[in-house]
C-alpha atoms as a PDB file:
ATOM      1  CA  MET A   1       0.000   0.000   0.000  1.00  0.00           C
ATOM      2  CA  PRO A   2       1.154   3.629  -0.446  1.00  0.00           C
ATOM      3  CA  GLN A   3       3.304   5.066   2.325  1.00  0.00           C
ATOM      4  CA  ARG A   4       0.960   7.098   4.518  1.00  0.00           C
ATOM      5  CA  PRO A   5       2.099  10.486   5.870  1.00  0.00           C
ATOM      6  CA  GLN A   6       2.914  10.496   9.584  1.00  0.00           C
ATOM      7  CA  SER A   7       0.469  13.384  10.063  1.00  0.00           C
ATOM      8  CA  ALA A   8      -2.206  15.150   8.064  1.00  0.00           C
ATOM      9  CA  HIS A   9       0.197  18.040   7.439  1.00  0.00           C
ATOM     10  CA  GLN A  10       3.318  16.123   6.430  1.00  0.00           C
ATOM     11  CA  TYR A  11       2.468  15.942   2.739  1.00  0.00           C
ATOM     12  CA  ASN A  12       2.139  19.733   2.536  1.00  0.00           C
ATOM     13  CA  THR A  13       5.573  20.583   3.907  1.00  0.00           C
ATOM     14  CA  VAL A  14       7.728  20.289   0.761  1.00  0.00           C
ATOM     15  CA  ILE A  15       7.021  23.660  -0.840  1.00  0.00           C
ATOM     16  CA  SER A  16       9.495  25.326  -3.199  1.00  0.00           C
ATOM     17  CA  PRO A  17      10.016  29.115  -3.421  1.00  0.00           C
ATOM     18  CA  ASP A  18       7.556  28.969  -6.346  1.00  0.00           C
ATOM     19  CA  PHE A  19       4.938  27.404  -4.000  1.00  0.00           C
ATOM     20  CA  LEU A  20       5.320  24.113  -5.879  1.00  0.00           C
ATOM     21  CA  GLU A  21       4.412  21.080  -3.772  1.00  0.00           C
ATOM     22  CA  GLU A  22       7.012  18.498  -4.750  1.00  0.00           C
ATOM     23  CA  ASP A  23       8.470  15.099  -3.808  1.00  0.00           C
ATOM     24  CA  ILE A  24       5.162  13.935  -2.374  1.00  0.00           C
ATOM     25  CA  TYR A  25       4.224  10.987  -4.592  1.00  0.00           C
ATOM     26  CA  PRO A  26       4.467   7.333  -3.517  1.00  0.00           C
ATOM     27  CA  GLU A  27       6.307   4.943  -5.833  1.00  0.00           C
ATOM     28  CA  GLY A  28       4.217   2.567  -7.887  1.00  0.00           C
ATOM     29  CA  TYR A  29       1.093   4.740  -7.990  1.00  0.00           C
ATOM     30  CA  PRO A  30      -0.121   7.446 -10.392  1.00  0.00           C
ATOM     31  CA  GLY A  31      -1.012   9.771  -7.535  1.00  0.00           C
ATOM     32  CA  LEU A  32      -1.063  10.616  -3.853  1.00  0.00           C
ATOM     33  CA  VAL A  33      -4.168   9.761  -1.831  1.00  0.00           C
ATOM     34  CA  ILE A  34      -4.857  11.601   1.433  1.00  0.00           C
ATOM     35  CA  VAL A  35      -7.767  10.968   3.806  1.00  0.00           C
ATOM     36  CA  HIS A  36      -8.219  14.103   5.918  1.00  0.00           C
ATOM     37  CA  HIS A  37      -9.749  13.572   9.370  1.00  0.00           C
ATOM     38  CA  ASP A  38      -8.621  16.702  11.244  1.00  0.00           C
ATOM     39  CA  ASN A  39     -11.048  19.527  11.928  1.00  0.00           C
ATOM     40  CA  ASP A  40      -9.715  23.020  11.166  1.00  0.00           C
ATOM     41  CA  GLU A  41      -6.755  21.614   9.221  1.00  0.00           C
ATOM     42  CA  LEU A  42      -5.065  24.351   7.179  1.00  0.00           C
ATOM     43  CA  VAL A  43      -3.495  23.478   3.830  1.00  0.00           C
ATOM     44  CA  SER A  44      -1.328  26.424   2.819  1.00  0.00           C
ATOM     45  CA  ALA A  45      -1.137  27.931  -0.677  1.00  0.00           C
ATOM     46  CA  HIS A  46       0.563  25.675  -3.226  1.00  0.00           C
ATOM     47  CA  TRP A  47       0.260  24.211  -6.715  1.00  0.00           C
ATOM     48  CA  HIS A  48       1.382  21.094  -8.525  1.00  0.00           C
ATOM     49  CA  GLN A  49       1.792  19.945 -12.113  1.00  0.00           C
ATOM     50  CA  GLY A  50      -0.914  17.293 -11.830  1.00  0.00           C
ATOM     51  CA  LEU A  51      -4.676  17.362 -11.469  1.00  0.00           C
ATOM     52  CA  GLU A  52      -6.238  17.157  -7.982  1.00  0.00           C
ATOM     53  CA  ALA A  53      -9.703  15.842  -7.092  1.00  0.00           C
ATOM     54  CA  ILE A  54     -11.389  16.385  -3.712  1.00  0.00           C
ATOM     55  CA  HIS A  55     -14.526  14.750  -2.302  1.00  0.00           C
ATOM     56  CA  ILE A  56     -16.251  15.510   1.002  1.00  0.00           C
ATOM     57  CA  ILE A  57     -17.679  12.479   2.809  1.00  0.00           C
ATOM     58  CA  ARG A  58     -18.294  14.168   6.166  1.00  0.00           C
ATOM     59  CA  GLY A  59     -17.771  17.711   7.359  1.00  0.00           C
ATOM     60  CA  GLY A  60     -16.670  20.292   4.824  1.00  0.00           C
ATOM     61  CA  GLY A  61     -14.143  22.938   4.013  1.00  0.00           C
ATOM     62  CA  THR A  62     -13.396  26.295   2.465  1.00  0.00           C
ATOM     63  CA  PHE A  63     -11.168  26.196  -0.610  1.00  0.00           C
ATOM     64  CA  GLN A  64      -9.570  28.981  -2.615  1.00  0.00           C
ATOM     65  CA  VAL A  65      -8.514  28.101  -6.185  1.00  0.00           C
ATOM     66  CA  GLU A  66      -6.744  31.025  -7.864  1.00  0.00           C
ATOM     67  CA  ASP A  67      -9.278  33.850  -7.316  1.00  0.00           C
ATOM     68  CA  GLN A  68     -12.297  31.561  -6.854  1.00  0.00           C
ATOM     69  CA  HIS A  69     -13.670  30.571  -3.451  1.00  0.00           C
ATOM     70  CA  TYR A  70     -15.622  27.384  -2.692  1.00  0.00           C
ATOM     71  CA  MET A  71     -17.491  26.293   0.425  1.00  0.00           C
ATOM     72  CA  LEU A  72     -17.982  22.513   0.325  1.00  0.00           C
ATOM     73  CA  SER A  73     -20.015  20.211   2.544  1.00  0.00           C
ATOM     74  CA  ASP A  74     -21.171  16.573   2.627  1.00  0.00           C
ATOM     75  CA  ASN A  75     -21.064  14.837  -0.800  1.00  0.00           C
ATOM     76  CA  ASP A  76     -19.540  17.861  -2.608  1.00  0.00           C
ATOM     77  CA  SER A  77     -16.559  17.506  -4.941  1.00  0.00           C
ATOM     78  CA  LEU A  78     -13.965  19.873  -6.388  1.00  0.00           C
ATOM     79  CA  LEU A  79     -11.531  19.589  -9.304  1.00  0.00           C
ATOM     80  CA  ILE A  80      -8.288  21.592  -9.270  1.00  0.00           C
ATOM     81  CA  SER A  81      -6.510  21.856 -12.607  1.00  0.00           C
ATOM     82  CA  PRO A  82      -2.731  21.498 -12.960  1.00  0.00           C
ATOM     83  CA  TYR A  83      -0.769  24.652 -12.041  1.00  0.00           C
ATOM     84  CA  GLN A  84      -3.702  26.280 -10.237  1.00  0.00           C
ATOM     85  CA  MET A  85      -2.693  27.917  -6.953  1.00  0.00           C
ATOM     86  CA  HIS A  86      -4.955  26.721  -4.163  1.00  0.00           C
ATOM     87  CA  GLN A  87      -5.345  26.434  -0.415  1.00  0.00           C
ATOM     88  CA  GLY A  88      -8.007  25.180   1.983  1.00  0.00           C
ATOM     89  CA  ARG A  89      -9.219  24.623   5.521  1.00  0.00           C
ATOM     90  CA  THR A  90     -11.360  21.754   6.784  1.00  0.00           C
ATOM     91  CA  VAL A  91     -14.529  22.495   8.751  1.00  0.00           C
ATOM     92  CA  ASP A  92     -16.532  20.204  11.038  1.00  0.00           C
ATOM     93  CA  HIS A  93     -20.218  20.889  10.281  1.00  0.00           C
ATOM     94  CA  SER A  94     -21.704  17.870  12.025  1.00  0.00           C
ATOM     95  CA  GLN A  95     -19.765  17.723  15.303  1.00  0.00           C
ATOM     96  CA  GLY A  96     -18.385  14.416  14.107  1.00  0.00           C
ATOM     97  CA  MET A  97     -15.138  13.315  12.509  1.00  0.00           C
ATOM     98  CA  VAL A  98     -14.217  15.087   9.265  1.00  0.00           C
ATOM     99  CA  LYS A  99     -13.552  12.794   6.306  1.00  0.00           C
ATOM    100  CA  ILE A 100     -12.303  14.334   3.074  1.00  0.00           C
ATOM    101  CA  ILE A 101     -10.634  12.408   0.249  1.00  0.00           C
ATOM    102  CA  SER A 102      -8.037  14.133  -1.923  1.00  0.00           C
ATOM    103  CA  VAL A 103      -6.201  12.610  -4.886  1.00  0.00           C
ATOM    104  CA  THR A 104      -3.262  14.489  -6.417  1.00  0.00           C
ATOM    105  CA  PHE A 105      -1.950  12.913  -9.615  1.00  0.00           C
ATOM    106  CA  ASN A 106       1.736  12.651 -10.451  1.00  0.00           C
ATOM    107  CA  ASN A 107       2.172  14.427 -13.790  1.00  0.00           C
ATOM    108  CA  GLU A 108       5.385  12.527 -14.575  1.00  0.00           C
ATOM    109  CA  VAL A 109       3.480   9.247 -14.468  1.00  0.00           C
ATOM    110  CA  VAL A 110       0.318  10.506 -16.155  1.00  0.00           C
ATOM    111  CA  GLY A 111       2.259  12.422 -18.822  1.00  0.00           C
ATOM    112  CA  ARG A 112       4.062   9.275 -19.982  1.00  0.00           C
ATOM    113  CA  ILE A 113       0.675   7.721 -20.760  1.00  0.00           C
ATOM    114  CA  TYR A 114      -1.218  10.856 -21.838  1.00  0.00           C
ATOM    115  CA  PRO A 115       1.140  13.470 -23.352  1.00  0.00           C
ATOM    116  CA  PHE A 116       0.516  17.116 -22.360  1.00  0.00           C
ATOM    117  CA  ALA A 117      -1.808  15.976 -19.577  1.00  0.00           C
ATOM    118  CA  ASP A 118      -0.840  19.047 -17.575  1.00  0.00           C
ATOM    119  CA  ARG A 119      -2.211  21.422 -20.220  1.00  0.00           C
ATOM    120  CA  PHE A 120      -5.878  20.577 -19.597  1.00  0.00           C
ATOM    121  CA  LEU A 121      -8.382  22.539 -17.518  1.00  0.00           C
ATOM    122  CA  PHE A 122     -11.113  20.737 -15.576  1.00  0.00           C
ATOM    123  CA  SER A 123     -14.548  21.536 -14.219  1.00  0.00           C
ATOM    124  CA  LEU A 124     -17.439  19.599 -12.681  1.00  0.00           C
ATOM    125  CA  SER A 125     -19.727  21.520 -15.043  1.00  0.00           C
ATOM    126  CA  ALA A 126     -17.795  20.506 -18.182  1.00  0.00           C
ATOM    127  CA  PRO A 127     -20.082  20.292 -21.249  1.00  0.00           C
ATOM    128  CA  HIS A 128     -19.441  16.566 -21.756  1.00  0.00           C
ATOM    129  CA  ALA A 129     -20.163  15.661 -18.113  1.00  0.00           C
ATOM    130  CA  ASN A 130     -23.656  14.611 -17.111  1.00  0.00           C
ATOM    131  CA  ALA A 131     -25.280  13.644 -13.819  1.00  0.00           C
ATOM    132  CA  GLU A 132     -24.226  10.020 -14.246  1.00  0.00           C
ATOM    133  CA  ASP A 133     -20.594  11.060 -14.771  1.00  0.00           C
ATOM    134  CA  ARG A 134     -20.667  13.142 -11.594  1.00  0.00           C
ATOM    135  CA  LYS A 135     -22.205  10.242  -9.693  1.00  0.00           C
ATOM    136  CA  ASN A 136     -19.450   7.938 -10.989  1.00  0.00           C
ATOM    137  CA  LEU A 137     -16.849  10.496  -9.922  1.00  0.00           C
ATOM    138  CA  ASP A 138     -18.220  10.613  -6.373  1.00  0.00           C
ATOM    139  CA  GLN A 139     -18.392   6.819  -6.136  1.00  0.00           C
ATOM    140  CA  LEU A 140     -14.834   6.432  -7.413  1.00  0.00           C
ATOM    141  CA  MET A 141     -13.520   8.928  -4.870  1.00  0.00           C
ATOM    142  CA  ILE A 142     -15.300   7.101  -2.037  1.00  0.00           C
ATOM    143  CA  ARG A 143     -13.939   3.764  -3.275  1.00  0.00           C
ATOM    144  CA  ILE A 144     -10.403   5.151  -3.509  1.00  0.00           C
ATOM    145  CA  GLY A 145     -10.617   6.438   0.052  1.00  0.00           C
ATOM    146  CA  SER A 146     -11.899   3.089   1.292  1.00  0.00           C
ATOM    147  CA  LEU A 147      -9.201   1.101  -0.529  1.00  0.00           C
ATOM    148  CA  TYR A 148      -6.500   3.455   0.733  1.00  0.00           C
ATOM    149  CA  GLU A 149      -7.531   2.843   4.338  1.00  0.00           C
ATOM    150  CA  GLN A 150      -7.472  -0.936   3.955  1.00  0.00           C
ATOM    151  CA  GLN A 151      -4.364  -2.683   5.251  1.00  0.00           C
ATOM    152  CA  GLU A 152      -4.337  -5.719   2.942  1.00  0.00           C
ATOM    153  CA  THR A 153      -1.379  -5.629   0.559  1.00  0.00           C
ATOM    154  CA  ALA A 154      -3.500  -7.008  -2.312  1.00  0.00           C
ATOM    155  CA  SER A 155      -5.768  -3.961  -2.039  1.00  0.00           C
ATOM    156  CA  ALA A 156      -2.989  -1.996  -3.737  1.00  0.00           C
ATOM    157  CA  PHE A 157      -3.941  -3.594  -7.059  1.00  0.00           C
ATOM    158  CA  LEU A 158      -7.539  -2.423  -6.703  1.00  0.00           C
ATOM    159  CA  LEU A 159      -6.417   1.039  -5.572  1.00  0.00           C
ATOM    160  CA  ASN A 160      -4.223   1.450  -8.640  1.00  0.00           C
ATOM    161  CA  ALA A 161      -7.065   0.267 -10.876  1.00  0.00           C
ATOM    162  CA  ALA A 162      -9.450   2.797  -9.284  1.00  0.00           C
ATOM    163  CA  LEU A 163      -6.933   5.637  -9.677  1.00  0.00           C
ATOM    164  CA  PHE A 164      -6.483   4.933 -13.406  1.00  0.00           C
ATOM    165  CA  GLN A 165     -10.247   4.578 -13.804  1.00  0.00           C
ATOM    166  CA  LEU A 166     -10.611   8.018 -12.187  1.00  0.00           C
ATOM    167  CA  LEU A 167      -8.045   9.469 -14.594  1.00  0.00           C
ATOM    168  CA  HIS A 168      -9.930   8.061 -17.581  1.00  0.00           C
ATOM    169  CA  LEU A 169     -13.208   9.546 -16.348  1.00  0.00           C
ATOM    170  CA  LEU A 170     -11.694  12.976 -15.659  1.00  0.00           C
ATOM    171  CA  TYR A 171      -9.828  13.283 -18.955  1.00  0.00           C
ATOM    172  CA  THR A 172     -12.729  12.037 -21.111  1.00  0.00           C
ATOM    173  CA  ARG A 173     -15.677  13.782 -19.392  1.00  0.00           C
ATOM    174  CA  PHE A 174     -14.510  16.727 -17.293  1.00  0.00           C
ATOM    175  CA  THR A 175     -12.085  18.760 -19.456  1.00  0.00           C
ATOM    176  CA  ILE A 176     -13.033  22.296 -20.531  1.00  0.00           C
ATOM    177  CA  GLY A 177     -10.065  23.296 -22.677  1.00  0.00           C
ATOM    178  CA  VAL A 178      -6.359  23.986 -22.296  1.00  0.00           C
ATOM    179  CA  ARG A 179      -4.484  26.660 -20.404  1.00  0.00           C
ATOM    180  CA  ARG A 180      -2.318  29.465 -21.716  1.00  0.00           C
ATOM    181  CA  PRO A 181       1.154  28.054 -22.464  1.00  0.00           C
ATOM    182  CA  GLU A 182       2.776  31.168 -20.941  1.00  0.00           C
ATOM    183  CA  SER A 183       2.019  29.925 -17.429  1.00  0.00           C
ATOM    184  CA  ILE A 184       3.817  26.607 -17.987  1.00  0.00           C
ATOM    185  CA  ARG A 185       7.552  27.148 -17.690  1.00  0.00           C
ATOM    186  CA  SER A 186      10.417  25.103 -16.402  1.00  0.00           C
ATOM    187  CA  GLY A 187      12.710  26.457 -13.747  1.00  0.00           C
ATOM    188  CA  ARG A 188      11.692  29.513 -11.756  1.00  0.00           C
ATOM    189  CA  ASN A 189       7.961  30.066 -12.266  1.00  0.00           C
ATOM    190  CA  ILE A 190       7.489  33.710 -11.397  1.00  0.00           C
ATOM    191  CA  THR A 191       3.737  33.649 -12.091  1.00  0.00           C
ATOM    192  CA  ARG A 192       3.203  30.939  -9.486  1.00  0.00           C
ATOM    193  CA  GLN A 193       5.307  32.932  -7.021  1.00  0.00           C
ATOM    194  CA  ILE A 194       3.183  36.022  -7.542  1.00  0.00           C
ATOM    195  CA  LEU A 195      -0.124  34.162  -7.140  1.00  0.00           C
ATOM    196  CA  GLY A 196       1.151  32.380  -4.050  1.00  0.00           C
ATOM    197  CA  TYR A 197       2.250  35.701  -2.578  1.00  0.00           C
ATOM    198  CA  LEU A 198      -1.199  37.203  -3.224  1.00  0.00           C
ATOM    199  CA  ALA A 199      -2.947  34.153  -1.743  1.00  0.00           C
ATOM    200  CA  ASN A 200      -0.996  34.658   1.481  1.00  0.00           C
ATOM    201  CA  HIS A 201      -0.927  38.474   1.652  1.00  0.00           C
ATOM    202  CA  HIS A 202      -4.104  39.751  -0.043  1.00  0.00           C
ATOM    203  CA  THR A 203      -5.509  41.120   3.224  1.00  0.00           C
ATOM    204  CA  GLU A 204      -2.513  43.455   3.571  1.00  0.00           C
ATOM    205  CA  ASN A 205      -2.079  46.952   2.112  1.00  0.00           C
ATOM    206  CA  LEU A 206      -0.919  45.955  -1.387  1.00  0.00           C
ATOM    207  CA  THR A 207      -0.662  47.960  -4.587  1.00  0.00           C
ATOM    208  CA  GLU A 208       0.373  46.843  -8.049  1.00  0.00           C
ATOM    209  CA  ARG A 209       3.464  49.049  -7.850  1.00  0.00           C
ATOM    210  CA  THR A 210       4.663  47.664  -4.501  1.00  0.00           C
ATOM    211  CA  VAL A 211       4.114  44.032  -5.533  1.00  0.00           C
ATOM    212  CA  ALA A 212       5.857  44.659  -8.865  1.00  0.00           C
ATOM    213  CA  ALA A 213       8.840  46.140  -7.023  1.00  0.00           C
ATOM    214  CA  TYR A 214       8.887  43.222  -4.596  1.00  0.00           C
ATOM    215  CA  PHE A 215       9.358  40.831  -7.545  1.00  0.00           C
ATOM    216  CA  GLY A 216      11.826  43.100  -9.339  1.00  0.00           C
ATOM    217  CA  TYR A 217       9.610  44.439 -12.141  1.00  0.00           C
ATOM    218  CA  SER A 218       8.524  47.839 -13.294  1.00  0.00           C
ATOM    219  CA  ARG A 219       4.805  48.395 -12.787  1.00  0.00           C
ATOM    220  CA  GLU A 220       4.196  48.474 -16.555  1.00  0.00           C
ATOM    221  CA  HIS A 221       6.004  45.181 -17.256  1.00  0.00           C
ATOM    222  CA  PHE A 222       4.405  43.538 -14.230  1.00  0.00           C
ATOM    223  CA  SER A 223       0.959  44.635 -15.399  1.00  0.00           C
ATOM    224  CA  ARG A 224       1.475  43.100 -18.852  1.00  0.00           C
ATOM    225  CA  LEU A 225       2.884  39.862 -17.386  1.00  0.00           C
ATOM    226  CA  PHE A 226       0.028  39.496 -14.910  1.00  0.00           C
ATOM    227  CA  ARG A 227      -2.723  40.056 -17.469  1.00  0.00           C
ATOM    228  CA  LYS A 228      -1.061  37.797 -20.031  1.00  0.00           C
ATOM    229  CA  THR A 229      -0.756  34.824 -17.676  1.00  0.00           C
ATOM    230  CA  THR A 230      -3.954  35.190 -15.626  1.00  0.00           C
ATOM    231  CA  GLY A 231      -6.337  36.897 -18.050  1.00  0.00           C
ATOM    232  CA  SER A 232      -7.119  39.446 -15.349  1.00  0.00           C
ATOM    233  CA  THR A 233      -5.778  42.761 -14.135  1.00  0.00           C
ATOM    234  CA  PHE A 234      -3.914  42.863 -10.852  1.00  0.00           C
ATOM    235  CA  LYS A 235      -6.565  45.079  -9.263  1.00  0.00           C
ATOM    236  CA  SER A 236      -9.536  42.880 -10.224  1.00  0.00           C
ATOM    237  CA  TYR A 237      -7.710  39.694  -9.149  1.00  0.00           C
ATOM    238  CA  LEU A 238      -6.794  41.190  -5.766  1.00  0.00           C
ATOM    239  CA  THR A 239     -10.316  42.556  -5.264  1.00  0.00           C
ATOM    240  CA  LYS A 240     -11.809  39.123  -5.970  1.00  0.00           C
ATOM    241  CA  LEU A 241      -9.550  37.516  -3.365  1.00  0.00           C
ATOM    242  CA  ARG A 242     -10.597  40.109  -0.803  1.00  0.00           C
ATOM    243  CA  LEU A 243     -14.299  39.780  -1.645  1.00  0.00           C
ATOM    244  CA  ASP A 244     -14.185  36.026  -1.180  1.00  0.00           C
ATOM    245  CA  GLU A 245     -12.359  36.504   2.125  1.00  0.00           C
ATOM    246  CA  ALA A 246     -14.984  38.985   3.315  1.00  0.00           C
ATOM    247  CA  ARG A 247     -17.958  36.886   2.179  1.00  0.00           C
ATOM    248  CA  THR A 248     -16.579  33.815   3.941  1.00  0.00           C
ATOM    249  CA  ASN A 249     -16.124  35.828   7.139  1.00  0.00           C
ATOM    250  CA  MET A 250     -19.658  37.206   6.827  1.00  0.00           C
ATOM    251  CA  ASP A 251     -20.985  33.655   6.564  1.00  0.00           C
ATOM    252  CA  ARG A 252     -19.045  32.554   9.635  1.00  0.00           C
ATOM    253  CA  SER A 253     -19.264  35.657  11.836  1.00  0.00           C
ATOM    254  CA  ASN A 254     -21.807  38.195  13.088  1.00  0.00           C
ATOM    255  CA  GLY A 255     -19.112  40.840  13.530  1.00  0.00           C
ATOM    256  CA  PRO A 256     -19.494  44.398  12.204  1.00  0.00           C
ATOM    257  CA  ILE A 257     -19.281  44.645   8.427  1.00  0.00           C
ATOM    258  CA  THR A 258     -16.796  47.510   8.822  1.00  0.00           C
ATOM    259  CA  ASP A 259     -14.392  45.184  10.666  1.00  0.00           C
ATOM    260  CA  ILE A 260     -14.924  42.374   8.152  1.00  0.00           C
ATOM    261  CA  ALA A 261     -14.105  44.743   5.271  1.00  0.00           C
ATOM    262  CA  ALA A 262     -10.936  45.951   7.002  1.00  0.00           C
ATOM    263  CA  ASP A 263      -9.814  42.417   7.893  1.00  0.00           C
ATOM    264  CA  ALA A 264     -10.194  41.391   4.234  1.00  0.00           C
ATOM    265  CA  GLY A 265      -7.908  44.221   3.121  1.00  0.00           C
ATOM    266  CA  PHE A 266     -10.370  46.863   1.909  1.00  0.00           C
ATOM    267  CA  PRO A 267      -9.243  50.426   2.716  1.00  0.00           C
ATOM    268  CA  SER A 268     -12.768  51.574   3.601  1.00  0.00           C
ATOM    269  CA  LEU A 269     -16.343  50.381   4.016  1.00  0.00           C
ATOM    270  CA  THR A 270     -17.296  52.454   0.972  1.00  0.00           C
ATOM    271  CA  SER A 271     -14.797  50.692  -1.310  1.00  0.00           C
ATOM    272  CA  PHE A 272     -15.905  47.310   0.046  1.00  0.00           C
ATOM    273  CA  THR A 273     -19.606  48.053  -0.473  1.00  0.00           C
ATOM    274  CA  ARG A 274     -18.984  49.301  -4.003  1.00  0.00           C
ATOM    275  CA  ALA A 275     -16.932  46.233  -4.978  1.00  0.00           C
ATOM    276  CA  PHE A 276     -19.312  43.785  -3.270  1.00  0.00           C
ATOM    277  CA  THR A 277     -22.386  45.274  -4.954  1.00  0.00           C
ATOM    278  CA  ARG A 278     -20.701  45.258  -8.365  1.00  0.00           C
ATOM    279  CA  GLU A 279     -19.664  41.584  -7.978  1.00  0.00           C
ATOM    280  CA  TYR A 280     -22.798  40.105  -6.365  1.00  0.00           C
ATOM    281  CA  GLY A 281     -25.598  42.522  -7.280  1.00  0.00           C
ATOM    282  CA  ILE A 282     -26.584  43.303  -3.665  1.00  0.00           C
ATOM    283  CA  THR A 283     -24.999  45.266  -0.830  1.00  0.00           C
ATOM    284  CA  PRO A 284     -23.153  43.510   2.007  1.00  0.00           C
ATOM    285  CA  ARG A 285     -25.979  44.370   4.424  1.00  0.00           C
ATOM    286  CA  GLN A 286     -28.581  42.925   2.046  1.00  0.00           C
ATOM    287  CA  TYR A 287     -26.451  39.789   1.648  1.00  0.00           C
ATOM    288  CA  ARG A 288     -26.205  39.374   5.390  1.00  0.00           C
ATOM    289  CA  ARG A 289     -29.963  39.828   5.873  1.00  0.00           C
ATOM    290  CA  GLU A 290     -30.772  37.285   3.146  1.00  0.00           C
ATOM    291  CA  HIS A 291     -28.202  34.824   4.461  1.00  0.00           C
ATOM    292  CA  LEU A 292     -29.573  35.220   7.992  1.00  0.00           C
ATOM    293  CA  GLN A 293     -33.114  34.547   6.726  1.00  0.00           C
ATOM    294  CA  ILE A 294     -31.929  31.358   4.992  1.00  0.00           C
ATOM    295  CA  ASP A 295     -30.192  30.190   8.166  1.00  0.00           C
ATOM    296  CA  GLN A 296     -33.271  30.909  10.273  1.00  0.00           C
ATOM    297  CA  THR A 297     -35.528  29.055   7.803  1.00  0.00           C
ATOM    298  CA  THR A 298     -33.184  26.069   7.812  1.00  0.00           C
ATOM    299  CA  PHE A 299     -33.048  26.106  11.605  1.00  0.00           C
ATOM    300  CA  GLN A 300     -36.840  26.300  11.843  1.00  0.00           C
ATOM    301  CA  THR A 301     -37.255  23.432   9.366  1.00  0.00           C
ATOM    302  CA  CYS A 302     -34.825  21.273  11.326  1.00  0.00           C
ATOM    303  CA  SER A 303     -36.601  22.156  14.588  1.00  0.00           C
ATOM    304  CA  ASP A 304     -40.005  21.280  13.096  1.00  0.00           C
ATOM    305  CA  ASP A 305     -38.649  17.981  11.776  1.00  0.00           C
ATOM    306  CA  GLN A 306     -37.165  17.114  15.148  1.00  0.00           C
ATOM    307  CA  HIS A 307     -40.406  18.088  16.926  1.00  0.00           C
ATOM    308  CA  GLY A 308     -42.389  15.894  14.533  1.00  0.00           C
ATOM    309  CA  LYS A 309     -40.078  12.942  15.189  1.00  0.00           C
ATOM    310  CA  GLN A 310     -40.498  13.389  18.917  1.00  0.00           C
ATOM    311  CA  GLN A 311     -44.300  13.478  18.588  1.00  0.00           C
ATOM    312  CA  PHE A 312     -44.290  10.406  16.360  1.00  0.00           C
ATOM    313  CA  SER A 313     -42.132   8.473  18.792  1.00  0.00           C
END
């Protein structure tokens, strides 16, 4: 069977200056399987040359992939394309043990079978994927997690078979195109360094000029490089990171919106409100009221269901 990490964090400790997670793959397998059980486990910003698939069995987590934010719970899945900067934190929704399966594929192994495998982009909503494909994906992830936790040596054959079956499903049903070749470079990958820096420091007082200087570029050259490799301006990318940070904190906290805006890196409540309204179509206060109403409705429904069960019993 694959060599298991000594702790849930061990696999995430080999990070290069480019934020590349490297030297993590077990021999004899096309990828690394991790079964996460720890509540509030933080996986710091990193990327890898292979595709990663995540499936939530119990609990949940918040995940940031480039400038996109995802809140996952029971039975949710997530696909992370090669070279995408990402980070996450597990969350215990049910007051029970968290169980999250992650599979990170080794591009050296996959690339020998499927050339240019690292060029593809993936999405659960890919045009070729249907409900049956997504169901098969979930079942494969659960099976991989179960096989990984078995101690029988012969189970390694079935685990390998399931991993290659997962690869076939992902590459035939869940691709949505190829990435810009500019972001795939050998040696020092400055784009990955920049995105990793923003993932870790976006709540601080950053400007395009100061970040450009930090990486040794003029603002003009940095601006062209950033747009060419991300398809976005520095300002819009940074604003999106901060908005996702603020929205997550609004979902998890009843603190003042002014404090939430400041903690996410916005210079003022006005700038936060303007950006939030432009992105989501409602103000932060309207979002909070609507979210609170949804939570109260859910709570009332659960209370009614529990009351009905008690009466029935």
